[in-house]
């Protein structure tokens, strides 16, 4: 009987240990699955955050590209004025003073005269764009008449932005080629990279030159001014036209000179042709005597 009880107690103890062991394993499995779920969820959260950050970075880059530093509207202004003025020299001096006043400079100037009735000149000035309209208004105010007025504006904003974008791209290529050249080991690779780098740098200089030209043309406007002055010539009465005594003396001297010239010419003619005149006189006398003799004979008969 005691043996049976011990056997039953041993069996119960075995079952109890087996149950505890199964519970422990199930709890460990549950804990392991929970940890795995937590890790999976954490990894998913990390990936989601990384994706969000990537999306934000992409959006920022796109925004940066869309917000490329675009300068204000860049317009090249040029004007051509033809003005008729009353006093050429005075108007020219006034315009030159206005050029200095508005912070510009004269790039070309020339003056020409067509006889004494017309004076004309051309002057080319560069004026800061902000003073373009004010200078035109003041210059036209100096004219007696505006014969012609042409103003043109060329928008080069798009070209400038395109050049700026190309310049940035060329800068990136230049940096990469410089890095490759520093790490190159073979001579032929070094020469090839050096040639490519020189070509890129030349393109960069060309782009920069064009950008500087556009900046200069847009910051300073060019104005060509042509000035014309037509003078009305009124003949003045000179003193000699009003002095009768002087005119009389001049006319007397002219008449005397003419008479003396005639006498002088006659004397020169006679003396110069004296041999011929003597022969002609002798021939004339001979002919006269012969005619007289013939007439006497006729009378005697």
Foldseek 3Di string as FASTA:
>chain_A
DVVVVVVVVVVVVVVVVVVVVVVVVVVVVVVVVVVVVVVVVVVVVVVVVVVVVVVVVVVVVVVCVVPPDQDDWFKQKEKEWEFEAADVVVLVVVLCVVCVVQPKAWPDKDKDDDPPFKIKIKTKIWGFPVCVVVSVVVSNVRGPDTPDMDMDMDTCRVVLVVLVVVLVVLVVVLVVLVVCLVPDDDPVSNVVSVVVNVVSVVVNVVSVVVNVVSVRSRRIHMYMYMYMYGHDDDDDDDPVNVDPVVVVVVVVVVVVVVVVVVVVVVVCVCVVCVVVVVVVVVVVVVVVVVVVVVVVVVVVD
